[in-house]
Protein backbone atom coordinates (compact mmCIF):
# COMPACT_ATOMS: atom_id res chain seq x y z
CA MET A 1 -40.71 -145.89 -89.89
CA THR A 2 -44.10 -144.22 -89.47
CA THR A 3 -42.85 -141.10 -91.20
CA VAL A 4 -41.52 -143.06 -94.16
CA THR A 5 -44.80 -144.93 -94.48
CA GLY A 6 -46.75 -141.68 -94.44
CA ARG A 7 -44.55 -140.18 -97.12
CA THR A 8 -44.94 -143.28 -99.24
CA ALA A 9 -48.72 -143.13 -98.95
CA THR A 10 -48.66 -139.43 -99.82
CA ALA A 11 -46.51 -140.10 -102.88
CA THR A 12 -48.53 -143.04 -104.15
CA GLY A 13 -51.91 -141.30 -103.75
CA PRO A 14 -51.58 -139.09 -106.87
CA VAL A 15 -50.15 -141.99 -108.85
CA LEU A 16 -53.13 -144.19 -108.00
CA ARG A 17 -55.57 -141.40 -108.89
CA THR A 18 -53.85 -140.96 -112.24
CA LEU A 19 -53.93 -144.68 -112.96
CA ARG A 20 -57.60 -144.95 -111.97
CA PHE A 21 -58.61 -142.03 -114.16
CA THR A 22 -56.53 -143.42 -117.03
CA GLY A 23 -58.30 -146.76 -116.63
CA PHE A 24 -61.67 -145.00 -116.62
CA ASP A 25 -60.77 -143.13 -119.81
CA LEU A 26 -59.64 -146.33 -121.52
CA ARG A 27 -62.86 -148.10 -120.53
CA ARG A 28 -64.74 -145.33 -122.32
CA LEU A 29 -62.62 -146.14 -125.38
CA ILE A 30 -63.88 -149.73 -125.37
CA GLY A 31 -67.44 -148.43 -125.38
CA ASP A 32 -66.82 -146.15 -128.37
CA TRP A 33 -67.54 -148.73 -131.08
CA ALA A 34 -67.73 -146.20 -133.92
CA MET A 35 -64.25 -144.85 -133.19
CA LEU A 36 -62.84 -148.36 -132.83
CA PHE A 37 -64.31 -149.40 -136.18
CA PHE A 38 -63.06 -146.42 -138.16
CA SER A 39 -59.62 -146.33 -136.55
CA MET A 40 -58.98 -150.09 -136.48
CA ALA A 41 -61.32 -152.17 -138.66
CA LEU A 42 -61.52 -149.77 -141.61
CA PRO A 43 -57.73 -149.50 -142.19
CA VAL A 44 -57.44 -153.28 -141.89
CA ILE A 45 -60.15 -153.68 -144.52
CA PHE A 46 -58.39 -151.16 -146.77
CA TYR A 47 -55.15 -153.11 -146.44
CA LEU A 48 -56.85 -156.41 -147.26
CA VAL A 49 -58.55 -154.92 -150.34
CA PHE A 50 -55.71 -152.82 -151.75
CA GLY A 51 -52.76 -154.88 -150.51
CA ALA A 52 -53.31 -158.50 -149.58
CA ALA A 53 -55.99 -159.22 -152.20
CA MET A 54 -54.12 -157.69 -155.14
CA GLY A 55 -51.93 -159.73 -157.45
CA TYR A 56 -49.22 -157.08 -157.41
CA GLY A 57 -48.93 -157.39 -153.61
CA THR A 58 -46.14 -159.94 -153.89
CA GLN A 59 -44.06 -157.79 -156.23
CA PRO A 60 -40.82 -156.45 -154.75
CA PHE A 61 -40.69 -153.00 -153.20
CA GLY A 62 -37.54 -151.74 -151.53
CA SER A 63 -36.27 -154.48 -149.23
CA GLY A 64 -39.70 -156.16 -149.04
CA ASN A 65 -42.84 -156.37 -151.12
CA VAL A 66 -45.78 -154.16 -152.11
CA LYS A 67 -48.00 -155.68 -149.41
CA ALA A 68 -45.61 -154.34 -146.79
CA SER A 69 -45.70 -150.87 -148.34
CA VAL A 70 -49.51 -150.81 -148.37
CA MET A 71 -49.53 -152.16 -144.81
CA ILE A 72 -47.32 -149.31 -143.57
CA GLY A 73 -49.46 -146.70 -145.29
CA MET A 74 -52.69 -148.06 -143.85
CA ALA A 75 -51.16 -148.41 -140.37
CA LEU A 76 -50.00 -144.80 -140.46
CA TYR A 77 -53.45 -143.65 -141.57
CA ALA A 78 -54.99 -145.72 -138.77
CA GLY A 79 -52.70 -144.25 -136.12
CA ILE A 80 -53.30 -140.68 -137.30
CA THR A 81 -57.07 -141.20 -137.36
CA GLY A 82 -56.95 -142.51 -133.79
CA ALA A 83 -54.83 -139.59 -132.56
CA VAL A 84 -57.04 -137.01 -134.30
CA ALA A 85 -60.22 -138.50 -132.88
CA ALA A 86 -58.79 -138.79 -129.36
CA SER A 87 -57.46 -135.24 -129.11
CA GLY A 88 -60.57 -133.82 -130.77
CA ASN A 89 -62.84 -135.58 -128.28
CA VAL A 90 -60.80 -134.19 -125.38
CA VAL A 91 -61.30 -130.61 -126.60
CA VAL A 92 -65.02 -131.11 -127.27
CA GLU A 93 -65.56 -132.64 -123.83
CA THR A 94 -63.66 -129.80 -122.18
CA LYS A 95 -65.74 -127.16 -124.00
CA THR A 96 -69.00 -128.90 -123.09
CA GLY A 97 -68.37 -129.01 -119.35
CA TRP A 98 -66.43 -132.23 -118.71
CA GLY A 99 -63.34 -130.20 -117.82
CA ARG A 100 -65.29 -128.24 -115.19
CA GLN A 101 -66.56 -131.49 -113.69
CA LEU A 102 -63.01 -132.84 -113.44
CA ALA A 103 -61.88 -129.60 -111.82
CA LEU A 104 -64.11 -130.49 -108.85
CA THR A 105 -62.20 -133.74 -108.28
CA PRO A 106 -58.82 -134.18 -106.52
CA LEU A 107 -57.16 -134.70 -109.93
CA THR A 108 -54.55 -132.08 -110.78
CA THR A 109 -53.99 -130.63 -114.25
CA GLY A 110 -50.83 -132.72 -114.62
CA GLN A 111 -52.66 -135.92 -113.71
CA ARG A 112 -55.47 -135.21 -116.18
CA THR A 113 -52.92 -134.41 -118.87
CA ALA A 114 -51.03 -137.66 -118.21
CA ALA A 115 -54.27 -139.64 -118.55
CA THR A 116 -55.15 -137.78 -121.74
CA VAL A 117 -51.75 -138.46 -123.30
CA ALA A 118 -52.04 -142.13 -122.37
CA GLY A 119 -55.44 -142.30 -124.02
CA ILE A 120 -54.17 -140.67 -127.21
CA LEU A 121 -51.22 -143.06 -127.38
CA VAL A 122 -53.47 -146.08 -126.93
CA ARG A 123 -55.79 -144.82 -129.65
CA ALA A 124 -52.79 -144.49 -131.95
CA VAL A 125 -50.99 -147.71 -130.98
CA LEU A 126 -53.92 -150.15 -131.18
CA PRO A 127 -54.85 -149.44 -134.84
CA VAL A 128 -51.19 -149.59 -135.90
CA LEU A 129 -50.71 -152.95 -134.21
CA ALA A 130 -53.94 -154.26 -135.75
CA VAL A 131 -52.84 -153.46 -139.31
CA PHE A 132 -49.31 -154.82 -138.81
CA THR A 133 -50.67 -158.02 -137.28
CA VAL A 134 -52.96 -158.65 -140.23
CA GLY A 135 -50.13 -157.76 -142.61
CA ALA A 136 -47.79 -160.28 -141.01
CA ILE A 137 -50.45 -162.98 -141.31
CA THR A 138 -51.25 -162.23 -144.97
CA GLY A 139 -47.74 -162.24 -146.44
CA ALA A 140 -46.27 -158.77 -146.02
CA VAL A 141 -42.48 -159.11 -146.30
CA MET A 142 -39.96 -156.79 -144.61
CA PRO A 143 -36.56 -157.15 -142.93
CA GLY A 144 -36.68 -157.96 -139.22
CA GLY A 145 -35.58 -154.49 -138.17
CA ALA A 146 -38.32 -152.87 -140.24
CA TRP A 147 -40.98 -154.84 -138.35
CA VAL A 148 -39.83 -152.99 -135.24
CA ALA A 149 -38.98 -149.57 -136.69
CA CYS A 150 -41.99 -149.06 -138.97
CA PRO A 151 -44.71 -149.43 -136.30
CA LEU A 152 -42.78 -147.10 -133.98
CA LEU A 153 -42.44 -144.52 -136.76
CA CYS A 154 -46.15 -144.81 -137.53
CA VAL A 155 -47.05 -144.08 -133.91
CA ALA A 156 -44.52 -141.24 -133.66
CA GLY A 157 -45.82 -139.79 -136.92
CA ALA A 158 -49.36 -139.78 -135.55
CA VAL A 159 -48.48 -137.64 -132.52
CA PRO A 160 -48.34 -134.23 -134.30
CA PHE A 161 -51.79 -134.88 -135.72
CA GLY A 162 -53.17 -134.87 -132.19
CA PHE A 163 -52.68 -131.09 -132.37
CA TYR A 164 -54.35 -131.13 -135.80
CA GLY A 165 -57.42 -132.71 -134.21
CA MET A 166 -57.35 -130.06 -131.48
CA ILE A 167 -57.35 -127.30 -134.11
CA TRP A 168 -60.50 -128.62 -135.76
CA SER A 169 -62.25 -129.05 -132.41
CA LEU A 170 -61.36 -125.50 -131.35
CA LEU A 171 -62.49 -124.07 -134.69
CA VAL A 172 -65.70 -126.09 -134.94
CA ALA A 173 -66.97 -126.39 -131.38
CA THR A 174 -69.52 -129.13 -132.07
CA ASP A 175 -69.64 -132.92 -131.97
CA THR A 176 -69.09 -132.98 -135.75
CA SER A 177 -65.61 -131.48 -135.47
CA VAL A 178 -63.98 -134.89 -134.96
CA SER A 179 -65.78 -136.29 -138.02
CA ILE A 180 -64.66 -133.32 -140.11
CA ALA A 181 -61.06 -133.70 -138.94
CA SER A 182 -61.04 -137.46 -139.62
CA THR A 183 -62.50 -136.94 -143.10
CA SER A 184 -59.88 -134.32 -143.92
CA VAL A 185 -57.18 -136.85 -142.98
CA VAL A 186 -58.40 -139.08 -145.82
CA ILE A 187 -57.87 -136.24 -148.30
CA LEU A 188 -54.43 -135.46 -146.88
CA ALA A 189 -53.51 -139.16 -147.08
CA PHE A 190 -54.27 -139.23 -150.81
CA LEU A 191 -52.20 -136.07 -151.35
CA GLY A 192 -49.35 -137.49 -149.25
CA ASN A 193 -48.98 -140.56 -151.51
CA VAL A 194 -50.21 -142.83 -148.70
CA PHE A 195 -53.13 -144.64 -150.34
CA MET A 196 -52.16 -144.88 -154.00
CA PRO A 197 -49.24 -143.81 -156.21
CA LEU A 198 -49.63 -140.24 -157.45
CA PRO A 199 -48.52 -139.06 -160.89
CA GLU A 200 -45.26 -137.13 -160.80
CA GLY A 201 -46.94 -133.75 -161.29
CA LEU A 202 -49.33 -134.27 -158.37
CA LEU A 203 -46.60 -135.82 -156.22
CA ALA A 204 -44.59 -132.61 -156.62
CA VAL A 205 -47.47 -130.79 -154.91
CA GLY A 206 -48.09 -133.60 -152.43
CA ARG A 207 -44.57 -133.29 -151.03
CA PHE A 208 -45.69 -130.05 -149.36
CA THR A 209 -48.74 -131.59 -147.66
CA PRO A 210 -48.77 -132.79 -144.01
CA LEU A 211 -48.86 -136.56 -144.54
CA TYR A 212 -46.02 -136.74 -147.07
CA GLY A 213 -43.28 -136.40 -144.45
CA VAL A 214 -44.62 -138.88 -141.91
CA SER A 215 -45.43 -141.38 -144.68
CA ALA A 216 -41.98 -141.13 -146.24
CA LEU A 217 -40.34 -141.56 -142.84
CA ALA A 218 -42.55 -144.51 -141.85
CA HIS A 219 -41.71 -146.23 -145.17
CA TRP A 220 -37.99 -145.46 -144.92
CA PRO A 221 -36.85 -148.74 -143.28
CA LEU A 222 -38.55 -150.56 -146.17
CA GLY A 223 -38.13 -148.35 -149.23
CA HIS A 224 -35.26 -146.02 -148.23
CA GLY A 225 -36.94 -143.01 -149.83
CA GLU A 226 -38.49 -144.77 -152.82
CA GLN A 227 -41.78 -143.20 -153.90
CA THR A 228 -43.93 -145.13 -156.37
CA VAL A 229 -45.27 -142.90 -159.15
CA GLY A 230 -48.65 -143.65 -160.71
CA PHE A 231 -49.75 -144.30 -164.30
CA GLY A 232 -46.74 -146.42 -165.22
CA GLU A 233 -44.19 -143.71 -164.47
CA GLY A 234 -42.09 -146.03 -162.30
CA SER A 235 -40.67 -144.64 -159.08
CA THR A 236 -38.48 -141.88 -157.72
CA THR A 237 -36.24 -141.64 -154.67
CA ASP A 238 -36.57 -138.72 -152.27
CA PRO A 239 -33.85 -137.77 -149.77
CA LEU A 240 -34.55 -138.27 -146.07
CA TRP A 241 -34.18 -134.59 -145.24
CA TRP A 242 -37.27 -133.78 -147.34
CA ALA A 243 -39.38 -135.93 -145.03
CA LEU A 244 -37.77 -134.55 -141.86
CA LEU A 245 -38.20 -130.94 -142.98
CA ASN A 246 -41.84 -131.59 -143.87
CA ILE A 247 -42.51 -133.15 -140.46
CA ALA A 248 -40.77 -130.34 -138.58
CA ALA A 249 -42.58 -127.60 -140.50
CA TRP A 250 -46.06 -129.07 -140.13
CA THR A 251 -45.49 -129.93 -136.47
CA VAL A 252 -44.68 -126.28 -135.81
CA VAL A 253 -47.81 -125.24 -137.73
CA PHE A 254 -50.08 -127.64 -135.82
CA VAL A 255 -48.66 -126.86 -132.38
CA THR A 256 -48.66 -123.10 -132.97
CA GLY A 257 -52.19 -123.17 -134.34
CA ALA A 258 -53.53 -125.23 -131.43
CA LEU A 259 -51.86 -123.01 -128.82
CA ALA A 260 -53.08 -119.83 -130.53
CA LEU A 261 -56.66 -121.09 -130.64
CA GLN A 262 -56.48 -122.19 -127.00
CA HIS A 263 -55.25 -118.71 -126.06
CA ARG A 264 -58.14 -117.18 -127.99
CA GLU A 265 -60.64 -119.41 -126.18
CA ARG A 266 -59.23 -118.42 -122.78
CA GLY A 267 -59.51 -114.77 -123.78
CA ARG A 268 -63.23 -115.21 -124.44
CA GLN A 269 -63.91 -116.79 -121.04
């Protein structure tokens, strides 16, 4: 019995350390008011202005209404912004000495990584839930299954952009790297047909940009590939494989770029 108890204590020790460090990291999140505002409050405000407050919000779109489409776009943007900021902060902290401090603690690399991943997921999930909650209250209409699938797709679509945030932080090794990465996401969101309908000519270019694929996939349970085209040009329907190919290609680019830059940094040390 004593042996079993000792083994149990040995096994639970690393788990408790991981949970404690994860809790510490999440408490730091609560204190980061600027990040919380830009990743949660700002997308909610955008949705209220460009979705809920507009007269066209109640018009049909796919199997729901326009409010729901705007809600999904803003939730995706919110999740990506949270993931970019979280991963970027991790790299900046590591380069400025936080990683060396953690190396002096009993935490292993795997435990630190688990806590980091948990923090990134929380930073992506909370903004998405905030936008969908406000959307549900203000009249966004979708089928029941879409209310489950769309938030999950928004969070999943934000994950590859964690590597995008790492790339910026490795390229620009200053505290401004996260701000630069988050600002660039706004530009990519416009090009990906997330914020407002693009004219057909610009949409043809936007289909090759990083946010097109994740946006099209996140909207799929609602619009089934429908893409609204700006300036009274109606809409067009894109096949699902376009979105999946876009996501796969850009995920490879982001992961490869982040790993290559990390290898370069290790070579300099």
